[in-house]
Each structure stands twice: as C-alpha cells, then as structure tokens.
N, C-alpha and C. Protein backbone atom coordinates (compact mmCIF):
# COMPACT_ATOMS: atom_id res chain seq x y z
N UNK A 1 68.48 31.79 -38.32
CA UNK A 1 67.11 30.88 -38.48
C UNK A 1 66.92 30.11 -36.84
N UNK A 2 68.15 29.79 -36.22
CA UNK A 2 67.30 29.51 -34.66
C UNK A 2 67.84 30.38 -33.78
N UNK A 3 66.97 31.14 -33.17
CA UNK A 3 67.45 32.14 -31.96
C UNK A 3 66.94 31.47 -30.80
N UNK A 4 67.74 31.89 -29.74
CA UNK A 4 67.52 31.18 -28.34
C UNK A 4 66.18 31.80 -27.79
N UNK A 5 65.51 30.69 -27.10
CA UNK A 5 63.99 30.86 -26.61
C UNK A 5 64.69 31.94 -25.44
N UNK A 6 63.76 33.14 -25.47
CA UNK A 6 63.85 33.97 -24.45
C UNK A 6 62.90 33.45 -23.03
N UNK A 7 63.40 33.55 -21.89
CA UNK A 7 62.57 32.85 -20.72
C UNK A 7 62.42 34.16 -19.95
N UNK A 8 61.21 33.93 -19.46
CA UNK A 8 60.75 35.26 -18.38
C UNK A 8 61.19 35.00 -17.26
N UNK A 9 61.50 36.18 -16.67
CA UNK A 9 61.97 36.36 -15.31
C UNK A 9 61.61 35.50 -14.19
N UNK A 10 60.06 35.51 -14.41
CA UNK A 10 59.75 34.53 -13.17
C UNK A 10 59.74 33.02 -13.62
N UNK A 11 60.22 32.62 -14.84
CA UNK A 11 60.45 31.24 -14.85
C UNK A 11 61.98 31.14 -14.76
N UNK A 12 62.62 32.03 -14.38
CA UNK A 12 64.04 31.72 -14.05
C UNK A 12 64.35 30.83 -12.61
N UNK A 13 65.35 30.11 -12.58
CA UNK A 13 65.62 29.57 -11.41
C UNK A 13 66.47 30.66 -10.42
N UNK A 14 66.13 30.61 -9.10
CA UNK A 14 66.75 31.54 -8.27
C UNK A 14 68.05 30.77 -7.79
N UNK A 15 68.54 31.72 -6.86
CA UNK A 15 69.89 30.93 -6.35
C UNK A 15 69.92 29.81 -5.54
N UNK A 16 68.87 29.59 -4.91
CA UNK A 16 68.72 28.30 -4.17
C UNK A 16 68.13 27.44 -4.94
N UNK A 17 67.74 27.55 -5.87
CA UNK A 17 67.09 26.26 -6.91
C UNK A 17 68.37 25.99 -7.72
N UNK A 18 69.38 26.86 -8.14
CA UNK A 18 70.26 26.57 -9.14
C UNK A 18 71.14 25.29 -7.98
N UNK A 19 71.45 25.90 -6.87
CA UNK A 19 72.17 25.29 -5.72
C UNK A 19 71.64 23.69 -6.14
N UNK A 20 70.30 23.65 -5.29
CA UNK A 20 69.82 22.35 -5.85
C UNK A 20 69.84 21.57 -7.02
N UNK A 21 70.12 22.07 -8.09
CA UNK A 21 70.58 21.60 -9.45
C UNK A 21 71.86 21.07 -9.38
N UNK A 22 72.87 22.01 -8.86
CA UNK A 22 74.36 21.72 -9.14
C UNK A 22 74.52 20.42 -8.17
N UNK A 23 73.94 20.43 -6.89
CA UNK A 23 73.90 19.34 -5.79
C UNK A 23 73.40 18.15 -6.59
N UNK A 24 72.33 18.28 -7.09
CA UNK A 24 71.98 17.23 -7.87
C UNK A 24 72.58 16.46 -8.91
N UNK A 25 73.32 17.17 -9.71
CA UNK A 25 74.38 16.70 -10.62
C UNK A 25 75.68 16.35 -9.84
N UNK A 26 75.83 16.86 -9.06
CA UNK A 26 76.89 15.85 -8.17
C UNK A 26 76.76 14.70 -7.65
N UNK A 27 75.64 14.79 -7.19
CA UNK A 27 75.01 13.58 -6.52
C UNK A 27 74.89 12.41 -7.46
N UNK A 28 74.47 12.69 -8.66
CA UNK A 28 74.15 11.55 -9.50
C UNK A 28 75.52 11.07 -10.17
N UNK A 29 76.61 12.03 -10.32
CA UNK A 29 77.82 11.67 -10.79
C UNK A 29 78.54 10.92 -9.62
N UNK A 30 78.30 11.27 -8.38
CA UNK A 30 78.72 10.28 -7.42
C UNK A 30 78.06 8.81 -7.23
N UNK A 31 76.89 8.87 -7.48
CA UNK A 31 75.97 7.83 -7.52
C UNK A 31 76.47 6.94 -8.66
N UNK A 32 76.67 7.17 -9.91
CA UNK A 32 77.35 6.38 -11.07
C UNK A 32 79.12 6.20 -10.84
N UNK A 33 79.45 6.96 -10.12
CA UNK A 33 80.88 6.30 -9.91
C UNK A 33 80.80 5.40 -8.81
N UNK A 34 79.92 5.54 -7.71
CA UNK A 34 80.12 4.34 -6.62
C UNK A 34 79.51 3.05 -7.31
N UNK A 35 78.43 3.30 -8.13
CA UNK A 35 77.76 1.84 -8.59
C UNK A 35 78.85 1.36 -9.52
N UNK A 36 79.35 1.69 -10.47
CA UNK A 36 80.43 1.35 -11.43
C UNK A 36 81.38 0.94 -10.59
N UNK A 37 82.28 1.53 -9.51
CA UNK A 37 83.12 0.68 -8.90
C UNK A 37 82.76 -0.54 -8.45
N UNK A 38 81.47 -0.61 -7.56
CA UNK A 38 81.37 -1.40 -6.64
C UNK A 38 80.72 -2.51 -7.87
N UNK A 39 80.26 -2.55 -8.85
CA UNK A 39 79.91 -3.51 -9.77
C UNK A 39 81.09 -4.08 -10.25
N UNK A 40 82.06 -3.43 -10.84
CA UNK A 40 83.33 -3.85 -11.35
C UNK A 40 84.02 -5.16 -10.63
N UNK A 41 83.71 -5.15 -9.12
CA UNK A 41 83.89 -5.98 -8.26
C UNK A 41 83.65 -7.45 -9.03
N UNK A 42 82.54 -7.49 -9.50
CA UNK A 42 82.21 -8.83 -9.92
C UNK A 42 81.32 -8.79 -11.31
N UNK A 43 82.58 -8.62 -12.26
CA UNK A 43 82.15 -8.13 -13.56
C UNK A 43 81.01 -9.25 -14.43
N UNK A 44 80.79 -10.53 -14.07
CA UNK A 44 79.92 -11.30 -14.41
C UNK A 44 78.27 -10.65 -14.19
N UNK A 45 78.19 -9.95 -13.04
CA UNK A 45 77.08 -9.53 -12.66
C UNK A 45 76.91 -8.10 -12.58
N UNK A 46 77.58 -7.32 -13.38
CA UNK A 46 77.80 -5.74 -13.36
C UNK A 46 76.50 -5.45 -14.02
N UNK A 47 75.98 -5.48 -15.01
CA UNK A 47 74.70 -5.17 -15.40
C UNK A 47 73.86 -5.18 -14.46
N UNK A 48 73.39 -6.41 -13.81
CA UNK A 48 72.16 -6.40 -12.73
C UNK A 48 72.74 -5.53 -11.75
N UNK A 49 73.83 -5.79 -11.22
CA UNK A 49 74.17 -4.85 -10.20
C UNK A 49 73.85 -3.56 -10.25
N UNK A 50 74.54 -3.00 -11.33
CA UNK A 50 74.57 -1.52 -11.68
C UNK A 50 72.83 -1.24 -11.92
N UNK A 51 71.87 -1.69 -12.68
CA UNK A 51 70.42 -1.47 -12.59
C UNK A 51 69.73 -1.70 -11.33
N UNK A 52 70.16 -2.44 -10.34
CA UNK A 52 69.51 -2.60 -9.32
C UNK A 52 69.82 -1.64 -8.33
N UNK A 53 71.05 -1.11 -8.21
CA UNK A 53 71.47 0.17 -7.53
C UNK A 53 71.47 1.42 -7.84
N UNK A 54 72.13 1.52 -9.24
CA UNK A 54 71.80 3.11 -9.51
C UNK A 54 70.53 3.39 -9.84
N UNK A 55 69.51 2.83 -10.90
CA UNK A 55 68.45 3.48 -11.18
C UNK A 55 67.48 3.68 -9.63
N UNK A 56 67.62 2.82 -8.85
CA UNK A 56 66.68 3.66 -7.72
C UNK A 56 67.34 4.84 -7.12
N UNK A 57 68.59 4.67 -6.90
CA UNK A 57 69.36 6.05 -6.23
C UNK A 57 69.40 7.28 -7.27
N UNK A 58 69.41 6.87 -8.39
CA UNK A 58 69.23 8.11 -9.28
C UNK A 58 67.77 8.66 -9.30
N UNK A 59 66.82 7.87 -9.34
CA UNK A 59 65.32 8.09 -9.64
C UNK A 59 65.11 8.72 -8.23
N UNK A 60 65.29 8.32 -7.29
CA UNK A 60 65.01 9.16 -5.58
C UNK A 60 65.96 10.29 -5.62
N UNK A 61 67.11 10.59 -6.27
CA UNK A 61 67.71 11.93 -6.43
C UNK A 61 67.21 12.76 -7.36
N UNK A 62 66.44 12.40 -8.21
CA UNK A 62 65.69 13.25 -9.31
C UNK A 62 64.34 13.85 -8.48
N UNK A 63 63.62 12.71 -7.91
CA UNK A 63 62.55 13.01 -7.38
C UNK A 63 62.53 14.04 -6.29
N UNK A 64 63.79 14.07 -5.57
CA UNK A 64 63.92 14.55 -4.48
C UNK A 64 64.10 16.04 -4.90
N UNK A 65 64.91 16.22 -5.86
CA UNK A 65 65.35 17.40 -6.22
C UNK A 65 64.23 18.30 -6.98
N UNK A 66 63.67 17.48 -7.72
CA UNK A 66 62.30 18.41 -8.37
C UNK A 66 61.50 18.89 -7.22
N UNK A 67 61.32 18.15 -6.15
CA UNK A 67 60.40 18.44 -5.11
C UNK A 67 61.20 19.64 -4.68
N UNK A 68 62.06 19.59 -4.35
CA UNK A 68 62.79 21.06 -3.69
C UNK A 68 63.00 22.42 -4.50
N UNK A 69 63.14 22.16 -5.73
CA UNK A 69 63.31 23.07 -6.83
C UNK A 69 61.73 23.72 -6.57
N UNK A 70 60.65 23.09 -6.69
CA UNK A 70 59.53 23.32 -6.57
C UNK A 70 59.08 24.29 -5.26
N UNK A 71 59.72 23.79 -4.29
CA UNK A 71 59.32 24.14 -3.10
C UNK A 71 60.11 25.79 -2.69
N UNK A 72 61.20 25.60 -3.31
CA UNK A 72 61.99 26.91 -3.44
C UNK A 72 61.55 28.12 -4.45
N UNK A 73 60.74 27.69 -5.16
CA UNK A 73 60.39 28.83 -6.02
C UNK A 73 59.74 29.99 -5.15
N UNK A 74 60.21 31.25 -5.58
CA UNK A 74 59.72 32.19 -5.02
C UNK A 74 58.27 32.42 -5.41
N UNK A 75 57.29 32.75 -4.11
CA UNK A 75 56.12 33.17 -4.36
C UNK A 75 55.84 34.36 -3.97
N UNK A 76 55.63 35.34 -4.49
CA UNK A 76 55.00 36.70 -4.56
C UNK A 76 53.36 36.58 -4.43
N UNK A 77 53.33 37.48 -3.49
CA UNK A 77 51.10 37.58 -3.13
C UNK A 77 50.66 37.57 -4.46
N UNK A 78 49.59 37.03 -5.12
CA UNK A 78 49.25 37.14 -6.24
C UNK A 78 49.60 35.87 -7.12
N UNK A 79 50.93 34.97 -6.85
CA UNK A 79 51.57 34.38 -7.76
C UNK A 79 51.18 32.96 -6.99
N UNK A 80 50.44 31.97 -8.12
CA UNK A 80 50.26 30.43 -7.84
C UNK A 80 51.50 29.78 -8.09
N UNK A 81 51.51 29.00 -7.05
CA UNK A 81 53.00 27.77 -6.97
C UNK A 81 52.43 26.91 -7.95
N UNK A 82 53.77 26.52 -8.49
CA UNK A 82 53.38 25.31 -9.67
C UNK A 82 53.52 24.17 -9.03
C-alpha cells in the first residue's frame, strides 16, 4: 500500500551537505539545552526567556543551514542551481 518514494540521484544530499545537516541538528540540541538550563534559573519567567532566546537562535541556525546546503550542492555544467 505505502511504498517509499524514490529519490533521484541528483536530488540526494552529498557528503558536505549531510555534514551541515548533522551539525545543524547538534546545534539545535545544544541551543535547546542551554536555553532550558538558563531559563530554569528563573522559573517565573521561563516561558518568556525561552521564547526570546531559543526562537531567534533556532531561526538563525535553520536559515544558515539552508543557505549552506544550497551552496554546497554539486553544480555540474548544464545543471541549474536551485
């Protein structure tokens, strides 16, 4: 009933792009951990502190990772970069 979607060879991530994805995941986990640790110091303002610190950091991390993934895509002659 459900079959895995086949991904064409040119749409797969290369090694450098995979490294960026792994680093992005590690950075997001570190950011989450740090924000939760620092936020628990003042439990009354945990939510406000968390939203003011984690969301901008996570957003910046995601944007930078997306830019890097696009830049590191292999562009062979005749292929247009997306």
